[in-house]
């Protein structure tokens, strides 16, 4: 298995995470670098947040985008109107591209869902030419995602299963400080740099926050969708109380931090 992210509907993912990855993509491109005429590989393209941002940032020659989920591949293909972009199903740990073909290989919000993340980084290095760049970004689930920790910490008080989920979620691969950097170095990349990228996640209401989670997308959604009616009612009330924090329901804004890493192929 090359992904631990469960996918149901592309629209559900867009509300849960796609809208935020679109905000993160330009920051990630600025960190990873991009130039006119380059061939770019987008590993774990999802519904295309990074894929479709790349041609807007530079006059690229080609964007090859892969994802493990056929749901994501179908949706990104449906949305694509650029002949330079080619989307296909693929395995991050076994890329079907020749050595040294791309100028850059990028992975936005995917490596923490790849059990063999180091192998995926090695494959990204393999398909990038000497002097090219490999870059990736993942959310800092443990210390940089208060919007999700709020939910998990609240539910962990009332449900032992949520305690177990919190432990898994907060310690996924590549999300600890310097973890990606060390993996990049161990996979033979040079001039490796790690930084933090920051956006804000703005919600119009509790339903705007909680609804996408309970739709069943991703590990948090899978947990919420599997609750029995009694526990679901307790969870709804507890998380609503945490979101509202003693004030009327309405807009809330949360800072969200991603670790980003880049290295050069020699």
Protein backbone atom coordinates (compact mmCIF):
# COMPACT_ATOMS: atom_id res chain seq x y z
CA UNK A 1 0.00 0.00 0.00
CA UNK A 2 1.51 3.35 -1.05
CA UNK A 3 -0.97 5.72 0.61
CA UNK A 4 -2.72 5.78 3.98
CA UNK A 5 -5.12 8.55 2.91
CA UNK A 6 -8.61 7.18 2.29
CA UNK A 7 -10.47 8.90 -0.54
CA UNK A 8 -14.22 8.88 -1.12
CA UNK A 9 -15.32 11.87 -3.20
CA UNK A 10 -13.20 14.59 -4.77
CA UNK A 11 -15.67 17.26 -3.70
CA UNK A 12 -15.42 16.18 -0.08
CA UNK A 13 -11.64 16.36 -0.21
CA UNK A 14 -11.79 19.86 -1.70
CA UNK A 15 -13.78 21.11 1.30
CA UNK A 16 -11.62 19.24 3.79
CA UNK A 17 -8.17 20.06 2.43
CA UNK A 18 -8.11 21.08 -1.23
CA UNK A 19 -9.08 24.66 -0.49
CA UNK A 20 -6.13 24.95 1.90
CA UNK A 21 -3.59 23.22 -0.33
CA UNK A 22 -4.47 25.80 -3.00
CA UNK A 23 -3.39 28.51 -0.56
CA UNK A 24 -0.21 26.65 0.31
CA UNK A 25 0.82 25.84 -3.29
CA UNK A 26 2.17 29.31 -4.25
CA UNK A 27 4.28 29.47 -1.09
CA UNK A 28 5.65 26.01 -1.82
CA UNK A 29 6.46 26.91 -5.44
CA UNK A 30 8.30 30.02 -4.28
CA UNK A 31 10.39 27.89 -1.91
CA UNK A 32 11.01 25.05 -4.39
CA UNK A 33 11.82 27.40 -7.27
CA UNK A 34 10.53 27.31 -10.83
CA UNK A 35 11.76 28.56 -14.20
CA UNK A 36 10.39 28.88 -17.72
CA UNK A 37 10.88 25.85 -19.95
CA UNK A 38 11.20 23.28 -17.17
CA UNK A 39 9.75 19.80 -16.93
CA UNK A 40 8.09 19.30 -13.53
CA UNK A 41 6.84 16.17 -11.77
CA UNK A 42 4.03 16.58 -9.23
CA UNK A 43 3.98 13.52 -6.96
CA UNK A 44 0.64 12.99 -5.21
CA UNK A 45 -1.23 15.61 -7.19
CA UNK A 46 -4.62 15.12 -5.53
CA UNK A 47 -7.22 17.23 -7.32
CA UNK A 48 -4.53 19.48 -8.80
CA UNK A 49 -3.81 22.25 -6.28
CA UNK A 50 -0.10 22.30 -7.14
CA UNK A 51 -0.45 20.91 -10.66
CA UNK A 52 -2.56 23.79 -11.93
CA UNK A 53 -0.60 26.44 -10.01
CA UNK A 54 2.69 25.55 -11.73
CA UNK A 55 1.88 26.89 -15.24
CA UNK A 56 0.59 30.08 -13.63
CA UNK A 57 3.92 30.62 -11.87
CA UNK A 58 6.17 30.06 -14.91
CA UNK A 59 5.98 29.13 -18.59
CA UNK A 60 6.83 25.49 -17.95
CA UNK A 61 7.38 22.99 -20.77
CA UNK A 62 5.62 20.05 -19.14
CA UNK A 63 3.91 19.03 -15.91
CA UNK A 64 3.56 15.31 -15.23
CA UNK A 65 1.20 14.70 -12.30
CA UNK A 66 0.58 11.37 -10.60
CA UNK A 67 -1.59 10.17 -7.75
CA UNK A 68 -2.26 6.79 -6.17
CA UNK A 69 -6.02 7.44 -5.99
CA UNK A 70 -8.06 6.97 -9.18
CA UNK A 71 -10.66 9.32 -7.68
CA UNK A 72 -8.10 12.13 -7.62
CA UNK A 73 -6.72 11.25 -11.06
CA UNK A 74 -10.21 11.33 -12.59
CA UNK A 75 -11.06 14.67 -11.01
CA UNK A 76 -7.75 16.35 -11.92
CA UNK A 77 -8.09 15.04 -15.48
CA UNK A 78 -11.63 16.42 -15.67
CA UNK A 79 -10.42 19.84 -14.54
CA UNK A 80 -7.37 19.97 -16.81
CA UNK A 81 -7.47 22.29 -19.83
CA UNK A 82 -3.70 22.70 -20.34
CA UNK A 83 -2.04 20.46 -22.98
CA UNK A 84 1.27 20.74 -21.12
CA UNK A 85 -0.21 18.89 -18.13
CA UNK A 86 -0.39 15.09 -18.18
CA UNK A 87 -2.09 13.28 -15.30
CA UNK A 88 -1.96 9.57 -14.54
CA UNK A 89 -2.27 7.07 -11.73
CA UNK A 90 1.08 6.20 -10.20
CA UNK A 91 3.03 4.93 -7.22
CA UNK A 92 5.30 7.44 -5.48
CA UNK A 93 7.67 4.65 -4.46
CA UNK A 94 8.02 3.28 -8.01
CA UNK A 95 7.83 6.10 -10.55
CA UNK A 96 7.32 5.12 -14.18
CA UNK A 97 9.63 7.81 -15.59
CA UNK A 98 13.20 7.57 -16.92
CA UNK A 99 16.23 8.67 -14.95
CA UNK A 100 17.10 12.38 -14.99
CA UNK A 101 14.04 13.36 -17.05
CA UNK A 102 12.66 16.24 -14.94
CA UNK A 103 14.09 19.55 -13.81
CA UNK A 104 12.15 19.39 -10.53
CA UNK A 105 10.12 16.80 -8.65
CA UNK A 106 7.69 18.22 -6.11
CA UNK A 107 5.38 16.64 -3.53
CA UNK A 108 2.81 18.79 -1.73
CA UNK A 109 1.07 17.32 1.33
CA UNK A 110 1.64 13.68 0.42
CA UNK A 111 4.82 12.20 1.94
CA UNK A 112 3.29 11.84 5.41
CA UNK A 113 0.74 9.47 3.86
CA UNK A 114 3.38 7.31 2.15
CA UNK A 115 4.57 4.52 4.49
CA UNK A 116 7.86 4.23 2.56
CA UNK A 117 8.43 7.98 2.36
CA UNK A 118 12.21 7.65 2.10
CA UNK A 119 11.83 5.41 -0.92
CA UNK A 120 9.54 7.98 -2.54
CA UNK A 121 12.17 10.69 -2.01
CA UNK A 122 14.76 8.40 -3.58
CA UNK A 123 12.53 7.90 -6.61
CA UNK A 124 12.02 11.64 -6.95
CA UNK A 125 15.79 12.12 -6.90
CA UNK A 126 16.24 9.42 -9.55
CA UNK A 127 13.97 11.08 -12.10
CA UNK A 128 15.49 14.57 -11.69
CA UNK A 129 18.51 15.67 -13.73
CA UNK A 130 21.82 16.67 -12.11
CA UNK A 131 21.44 20.21 -10.83
CA UNK A 132 17.69 19.81 -10.55
CA UNK A 133 15.60 20.11 -7.40
CA UNK A 134 13.54 17.76 -5.26
CA UNK A 135 11.14 19.46 -2.82
CA UNK A 136 8.30 18.42 -0.54
CA UNK A 137 5.99 19.88 2.09
CA UNK A 138 3.85 18.26 4.79
CA UNK A 139 1.66 19.67 7.55
CA UNK A 140 3.16 19.88 11.04
CA UNK A 141 0.39 17.79 12.62
CA UNK A 142 1.93 17.74 16.09
CA UNK A 143 2.72 21.41 16.67
CA UNK A 144 1.46 23.42 13.72
CA UNK A 145 -2.15 22.39 13.11
CA UNK A 146 -4.26 23.77 15.99
CA UNK A 147 -7.40 23.44 13.86
CA UNK A 148 -7.05 19.65 13.87
CA UNK A 149 -5.45 19.31 17.32
CA UNK A 150 -8.48 21.15 18.75
CA UNK A 151 -10.72 18.39 17.46
CA UNK A 152 -8.41 15.50 18.37
CA UNK A 153 -7.59 16.74 21.86
CA UNK A 154 -11.29 17.30 22.56
CA UNK A 155 -12.34 13.86 21.32
CA UNK A 156 -9.46 12.12 23.09
CA UNK A 157 -11.08 13.06 26.41
CA UNK A 158 -14.29 11.18 25.60
CA UNK A 159 -13.15 8.32 23.33
CA UNK A 160 -10.19 5.96 23.65
CA UNK A 161 -10.26 5.38 19.88
CA UNK A 162 -9.68 9.09 19.36
CA UNK A 163 -6.65 8.91 21.67
CA UNK A 164 -5.16 6.22 19.43
CA UNK A 165 -6.00 8.24 16.31
CA UNK A 166 -4.32 11.32 17.78
CA UNK A 167 -1.11 9.39 18.39
CA UNK A 168 -1.05 8.10 14.80
CA UNK A 169 -1.98 11.46 13.31
CA UNK A 170 0.59 13.48 15.24
CA UNK A 171 3.49 11.15 14.47
CA UNK A 172 3.04 10.32 10.80
CA UNK A 173 6.20 10.07 8.67
CA UNK A 174 8.14 13.23 7.83
CA UNK A 175 6.34 15.65 10.16
CA UNK A 176 8.91 16.03 12.96
CA UNK A 177 11.52 18.83 12.83
CA UNK A 178 14.48 17.86 10.60
CA UNK A 179 12.89 14.50 9.73
CA UNK A 180 12.43 15.31 6.04
CA UNK A 181 15.82 17.00 5.94
CA UNK A 182 17.57 13.91 7.22
CA UNK A 183 15.65 11.72 4.78
CA UNK A 184 16.59 13.99 1.88
CA UNK A 185 20.25 13.76 2.90
CA UNK A 186 20.12 9.98 3.34
CA UNK A 187 18.66 9.67 -0.18
CA UNK A 188 21.69 11.43 -1.65
CA UNK A 189 20.39 14.98 -2.08
CA UNK A 190 22.70 17.93 -1.50
CA UNK A 191 22.38 21.50 -0.23
CA UNK A 192 19.29 20.40 1.70
CA UNK A 193 17.26 23.15 3.33
CA UNK A 194 14.20 22.89 5.56
CA UNK A 195 11.81 25.72 6.38
CA UNK A 196 8.25 26.42 7.52
CA UNK A 197 5.37 27.68 5.38
CA UNK A 198 2.40 29.36 7.04
CA UNK A 199 -1.18 29.95 5.93
CA UNK A 200 -4.44 30.62 7.76
CA UNK A 201 -7.46 28.36 7.51
CA UNK A 202 -10.59 30.51 7.68
CA UNK A 203 -13.99 28.93 8.39
CA UNK A 204 -17.33 30.69 8.09
CA UNK A 205 -19.05 28.59 10.78
CA UNK A 206 -18.86 25.38 12.81
CA UNK A 207 -20.61 23.50 10.01
CA UNK A 208 -18.01 24.75 7.54
CA UNK A 209 -15.32 23.31 9.82
CA UNK A 210 -16.95 20.09 11.07
CA UNK A 211 -18.98 19.10 8.01
CA UNK A 212 -16.01 18.32 5.73
CA UNK A 213 -14.39 16.22 8.46
CA UNK A 214 -17.52 14.16 9.09
CA UNK A 215 -17.99 13.54 5.36
CA UNK A 216 -15.51 10.67 5.71
CA UNK A 217 -12.45 11.93 3.82
CA UNK A 218 -8.97 11.26 5.19
CA UNK A 219 -8.04 9.64 8.52
CA UNK A 220 -10.00 12.11 10.65
CA UNK A 221 -13.07 11.76 8.46
CA UNK A 222 -12.84 7.98 8.54
CA UNK A 223 -12.89 8.08 12.33
CA UNK A 224 -15.83 10.52 12.52
CA UNK A 225 -17.89 8.63 9.93
CA UNK A 226 -17.43 5.39 11.88
CA UNK A 227 -18.85 6.65 15.19
CA UNK A 228 -22.06 5.09 16.48
CA UNK A 229 -25.02 7.50 16.88
CA UNK A 230 -24.54 8.05 20.62
CA UNK A 231 -20.81 8.77 20.37
CA UNK A 232 -21.37 10.88 17.28
CA UNK A 233 -23.81 13.09 19.21
CA UNK A 234 -21.27 13.49 22.04
CA UNK A 235 -18.53 14.24 19.52
CA UNK A 236 -20.65 16.83 17.69
CA UNK A 237 -21.42 18.64 20.94
CA UNK A 238 -17.87 18.50 22.29
CA UNK A 239 -16.18 19.69 19.10
CA UNK A 240 -18.78 22.43 18.63
CA UNK A 241 -18.03 23.68 22.15
CA UNK A 242 -14.29 23.72 21.35
CA UNK A 243 -14.84 25.57 18.08
CA UNK A 244 -17.18 28.18 19.53
CA UNK A 245 -15.05 28.65 22.69
CA UNK A 246 -17.89 30.27 24.61
CA UNK A 247 -18.90 32.67 21.85
CA UNK A 248 -21.70 32.48 19.25
CA UNK A 249 -21.09 30.35 16.19
CA UNK A 250 -19.49 32.18 13.29
CA UNK A 251 -16.18 32.77 11.52
CA UNK A 252 -12.96 31.42 13.04
CA UNK A 253 -9.38 31.62 11.73
CA UNK A 254 -6.54 29.21 12.53
CA UNK A 255 -2.85 29.40 11.70
CA UNK A 256 -1.49 26.29 9.95
CA UNK A 257 2.18 25.45 9.46
CA UNK A 258 3.80 23.08 6.97
CA UNK A 259 7.35 21.77 6.99
CA UNK A 260 9.00 22.23 3.58
CA UNK A 261 12.27 20.74 2.39
CA UNK A 262 14.29 20.99 -0.80
CA UNK A 263 17.54 19.49 -2.05
CA UNK A 264 19.67 19.43 -5.19
CA UNK A 265 20.54 16.41 -7.32
CA UNK A 266 24.26 16.01 -8.11
